Amino acid sequence: MAEYPEDLRYSTDHEWVRPGNESVVRIGVTEYATEQLGDIVYVQLPEVGESVTAGDACGELESTKSTSDLLAPVTGVIAAVNDAVAEAPESINTDPYGDGWLFEIEVGSEEELGELLDADAYAEHVDS
């Protein structure tokens, strides 16, 4: 069974958000998402400096089963991308909450973070 770290917030689209210092948050996909996708073989990340809107596609994950859009869980500007996952996309499967992080967003509105699910609510969402 997948685990959901308590210090993260979650979108219903299976992205996690790790609040950082100031207004920058780190984004990745949940262990549940990696289990559903299968082995990830390619990732397309957004560009640093690109503006993203919550709920909109900003990249892609390709797995042995399918291709899925990466959706921005919050609105803001891409502050950093994890180039290592582009070179080794399998790290998204093996360490989704660590080395498999995808990108960082400088958040436009702190309110959006409060609208994301906590670990218990996300687990409930996945189970339903």
C-alpha atoms as a PDB file:
ATOM      1  CA  MET A   1       0.000   0.000   0.000  1.00  0.00           C
ATOM      2  CA  ALA A   2       1.203   3.484  -0.845  1.00  0.00           C
ATOM      3  CA  GLU A   3       2.347   5.847   1.885  1.00  0.00           C
ATOM      4  CA  TYR A   4       1.546   9.549   2.084  1.00  0.00           C
ATOM      5  CA  PRO A   5       4.009  11.655   4.102  1.00  0.00           C
ATOM      6  CA  GLU A   6       2.257  13.862   6.673  1.00  0.00           C
ATOM      7  CA  ASP A   7       4.372  16.969   5.903  1.00  0.00           C
ATOM      8  CA  LEU A   8       3.067  17.198   2.328  1.00  0.00           C
ATOM      9  CA  ARG A   9      -0.125  18.556   0.782  1.00  0.00           C
ATOM     10  CA  TYR A  10      -1.839  16.711  -2.069  1.00  0.00           C
ATOM     11  CA  SER A  11      -3.909  17.489  -5.146  1.00  0.00           C
ATOM     12  CA  THR A  12      -6.771  15.276  -6.279  1.00  0.00           C
ATOM     13  CA  ASP A  13      -4.706  14.815  -9.484  1.00  0.00           C
ATOM     14  CA  HIS A  14      -2.048  12.901  -7.477  1.00  0.00           C
ATOM     15  CA  GLU A  15       0.637  15.555  -7.217  1.00  0.00           C
ATOM     16  CA  TRP A  16       2.258  16.338  -3.884  1.00  0.00           C
ATOM     17  CA  VAL A  17       3.388  19.757  -2.683  1.00  0.00           C
ATOM     18  CA  ARG A  18       6.154  20.244  -0.120  1.00  0.00           C
ATOM     19  CA  PRO A  19       6.053  23.743   1.355  1.00  0.00           C
ATOM     20  CA  GLY A  20       9.555  25.215   1.360  1.00  0.00           C
ATOM     21  CA  ASN A  21      11.065  28.403   2.625  1.00  0.00           C
ATOM     22  CA  GLU A  22       9.260  31.580   1.692  1.00  0.00           C
ATOM     23  CA  SER A  23       6.849  31.136  -1.203  1.00  0.00           C
ATOM     24  CA  VAL A  24       8.594  28.323  -3.117  1.00  0.00           C
ATOM     25  CA  VAL A  25       7.091  24.822  -3.033  1.00  0.00           C
ATOM     26  CA  ARG A  26       8.463  21.546  -4.427  1.00  0.00           C
ATOM     27  CA  ILE A  27       6.186  19.381  -6.575  1.00  0.00           C
ATOM     28  CA  GLY A  28       6.188  15.678  -7.393  1.00  0.00           C
ATOM     29  CA  VAL A  29       3.788  12.842  -8.083  1.00  0.00           C
ATOM     30  CA  THR A  30       2.528  10.527  -5.376  1.00  0.00           C
ATOM     31  CA  GLU A  31       3.507   6.912  -4.893  1.00  0.00           C
ATOM     32  CA  TYR A  32      -0.099   6.034  -5.764  1.00  0.00           C
ATOM     33  CA  ALA A  33       0.304   7.800  -9.127  1.00  0.00           C
ATOM     34  CA  THR A  34       3.526   5.914  -9.883  1.00  0.00           C
ATOM     35  CA  GLU A  35       1.798   2.611  -9.069  1.00  0.00           C
ATOM     36  CA  GLN A  36      -1.038   3.480 -11.476  1.00  0.00           C
ATOM     37  CA  LEU A  37       1.306   4.652 -14.239  1.00  0.00           C
ATOM     38  CA  GLY A  38       3.815   1.816 -14.096  1.00  0.00           C
ATOM     39  CA  ASP A  39       7.467   2.327 -14.991  1.00  0.00           C
ATOM     40  CA  ILE A  40       8.075   5.940 -15.988  1.00  0.00           C
ATOM     41  CA  VAL A  41      10.379   6.118 -19.002  1.00  0.00           C
ATOM     42  CA  TYR A  42      10.225   9.798 -19.987  1.00  0.00           C
ATOM     43  CA  VAL A  43       9.362  13.098 -18.337  1.00  0.00           C
ATOM     44  CA  GLN A  44       8.779  16.497 -19.926  1.00  0.00           C
ATOM     45  CA  LEU A  45       9.149  19.282 -17.356  1.00  0.00           C
ATOM     46  CA  PRO A  46       8.063  22.918 -17.595  1.00  0.00           C
ATOM     47  CA  GLU A  47      10.629  25.656 -18.261  1.00  0.00           C
ATOM     48  CA  VAL A  48      12.083  27.770 -15.447  1.00  0.00           C
ATOM     49  CA  GLY A  49      10.354  31.159 -15.541  1.00  0.00           C
ATOM     50  CA  GLU A  50       7.173  29.732 -17.104  1.00  0.00           C
ATOM     51  CA  SER A  51       3.889  30.815 -15.492  1.00  0.00           C
ATOM     52  CA  VAL A  52       1.570  27.962 -14.556  1.00  0.00           C
ATOM     53  CA  THR A  53      -2.057  27.901 -13.432  1.00  0.00           C
ATOM     54  CA  ALA A  54      -3.450  25.414 -10.930  1.00  0.00           C
ATOM     55  CA  GLY A  55      -5.113  22.518 -12.729  1.00  0.00           C
ATOM     56  CA  ASP A  56      -3.459  23.214 -16.086  1.00  0.00           C
ATOM     57  CA  ALA A  57      -1.035  20.862 -17.826  1.00  0.00           C
ATOM     58  CA  CYS A  58       2.602  21.942 -17.523  1.00  0.00           C
ATOM     59  CA  GLY A  59       4.458  18.794 -18.549  1.00  0.00           C
ATOM     60  CA  GLU A  60       4.114  15.086 -19.257  1.00  0.00           C
ATOM     61  CA  LEU A  61       4.955  11.719 -17.777  1.00  0.00           C
ATOM     62  CA  GLU A  62       5.331   8.788 -20.155  1.00  0.00           C
ATOM     63  CA  SER A  63       5.229   5.288 -18.755  1.00  0.00           C
ATOM     64  CA  THR A  64       5.193   1.793 -20.164  1.00  0.00           C
ATOM     65  CA  LYS A  65       1.372   1.958 -19.862  1.00  0.00           C
ATOM     66  CA  SER A  66       0.398   5.485 -20.935  1.00  0.00           C
ATOM     67  CA  THR A  67       1.205   9.168 -21.247  1.00  0.00           C
ATOM     68  CA  SER A  68      -0.211  11.501 -18.591  1.00  0.00           C
ATOM     69  CA  ASP A  69      -0.255  15.263 -18.261  1.00  0.00           C
ATOM     70  CA  LEU A  70       1.549  16.792 -15.313  1.00  0.00           C
ATOM     71  CA  LEU A  71      -0.873  19.280 -13.783  1.00  0.00           C
ATOM     72  CA  ALA A  72       0.217  22.274 -11.759  1.00  0.00           C
ATOM     73  CA  PRO A  73      -1.261  21.884  -8.251  1.00  0.00           C
ATOM     74  CA  VAL A  74      -0.876  25.624  -7.554  1.00  0.00           C
ATOM     75  CA  THR A  75      -0.587  28.826  -9.588  1.00  0.00           C
ATOM     76  CA  GLY A  76       2.766  30.563  -9.843  1.00  0.00           C
ATOM     77  CA  VAL A  77       6.081  30.690 -11.699  1.00  0.00           C
ATOM     78  CA  ILE A  78       8.420  27.725 -12.213  1.00  0.00           C
ATOM     79  CA  ALA A  79      11.428  28.440  -9.997  1.00  0.00           C
ATOM     80  CA  ALA A  80      13.443  25.243 -10.628  1.00  0.00           C
ATOM     81  CA  VAL A  81      13.227  21.885 -12.367  1.00  0.00           C
ATOM     82  CA  ASN A  82      14.847  18.598 -11.402  1.00  0.00           C
ATOM     83  CA  ASP A  83      17.036  17.886 -14.429  1.00  0.00           C
ATOM     84  CA  ALA A  84      18.132  14.598 -12.819  1.00  0.00           C
ATOM     85  CA  VAL A  85      14.671  13.066 -13.393  1.00  0.00           C
ATOM     86  CA  ALA A  86      14.901  13.915 -17.095  1.00  0.00           C
ATOM     87  CA  GLU A  87      18.109  11.851 -17.223  1.00  0.00           C
ATOM     88  CA  ALA A  88      16.799   9.075 -14.924  1.00  0.00           C
ATOM     89  CA  PRO A  89      12.966   9.108 -14.964  1.00  0.00           C
ATOM     90  CA  GLU A  90      12.894   5.807 -13.053  1.00  0.00           C
ATOM     91  CA  SER A  91      13.788   7.791  -9.902  1.00  0.00           C
ATOM     92  CA  ILE A  92      10.170   9.022  -9.943  1.00  0.00           C
ATOM     93  CA  ASN A  93       9.098   5.396  -9.347  1.00  0.00           C
ATOM     94  CA  THR A  94      11.834   4.474  -6.874  1.00  0.00           C
ATOM     95  CA  ASP A  95      11.834   7.651  -4.751  1.00  0.00           C
ATOM     96  CA  PRO A  96       8.723   9.741  -5.561  1.00  0.00           C
ATOM     97  CA  TYR A  97       8.985  11.899  -2.393  1.00  0.00           C
ATOM     98  CA  GLY A  98      12.760  12.383  -2.544  1.00  0.00           C
ATOM     99  CA  ASP A  99      15.059  12.313  -5.580  1.00  0.00           C
ATOM    100  CA  GLY A 100      12.028  11.887  -7.860  1.00  0.00           C
ATOM    101  CA  TRP A 101      10.707  15.432  -7.278  1.00  0.00           C
ATOM    102  CA  LEU A 102       9.826  17.246 -10.507  1.00  0.00           C
ATOM    103  CA  PHE A 103       9.829  21.041 -10.206  1.00  0.00           C
ATOM    104  CA  GLU A 104       9.463  23.994  -7.845  1.00  0.00           C
ATOM    105  CA  ILE A 105       6.900  26.776  -8.092  1.00  0.00           C
ATOM    106  CA  GLU A 106       7.045  30.252  -6.626  1.00  0.00           C
ATOM    107  CA  VAL A 107       3.463  30.390  -5.408  1.00  0.00           C
ATOM    108  CA  GLY A 108       1.278  33.330  -6.368  1.00  0.00           C
ATOM    109  CA  SER A 109      -1.298  32.796  -3.602  1.00  0.00           C
ATOM    110  CA  GLU A 110      -0.792  31.075  -0.271  1.00  0.00           C
ATOM    111  CA  GLU A 111      -4.564  30.437  -0.179  1.00  0.00           C
ATOM    112  CA  GLU A 112      -4.223  27.717  -2.826  1.00  0.00           C
ATOM    113  CA  LEU A 113      -1.941  25.717  -0.531  1.00  0.00           C
ATOM    114  CA  GLY A 114      -4.694  25.638   2.074  1.00  0.00           C
ATOM    115  CA  GLU A 115      -7.095  24.172  -0.482  1.00  0.00           C
ATOM    116  CA  LEU A 116      -4.882  21.119  -1.049  1.00  0.00           C
ATOM    117  CA  LEU A 117      -5.543  17.870   0.824  1.00  0.00           C
ATOM    118  CA  ASP A 118      -3.627  16.700   3.872  1.00  0.00           C
ATOM    119  CA  ALA A 119      -2.295  13.103   3.976  1.00  0.00           C
ATOM    120  CA  ASP A 120      -5.458  11.655   5.585  1.00  0.00           C
ATOM    121  CA  ALA A 121      -7.805  13.386   3.140  1.00  0.00           C
ATOM    122  CA  TYR A 122      -5.663  12.266   0.196  1.00  0.00           C
ATOM    123  CA  ALA A 123      -5.654   8.650   1.416  1.00  0.00           C
ATOM    124  CA  GLU A 124      -9.447   8.868   1.657  1.00  0.00           C
ATOM    125  CA  HIS A 125      -9.615  10.300  -1.884  1.00  0.00           C
ATOM    126  CA  VAL A 126      -7.483   7.450  -3.252  1.00  0.00           C
ATOM    127  CA  ASP A 127      -9.547   4.811  -1.441  1.00  0.00           C
ATOM    128  CA  SER A 128     -12.870   6.121  -2.735  1.00  0.00           C
END
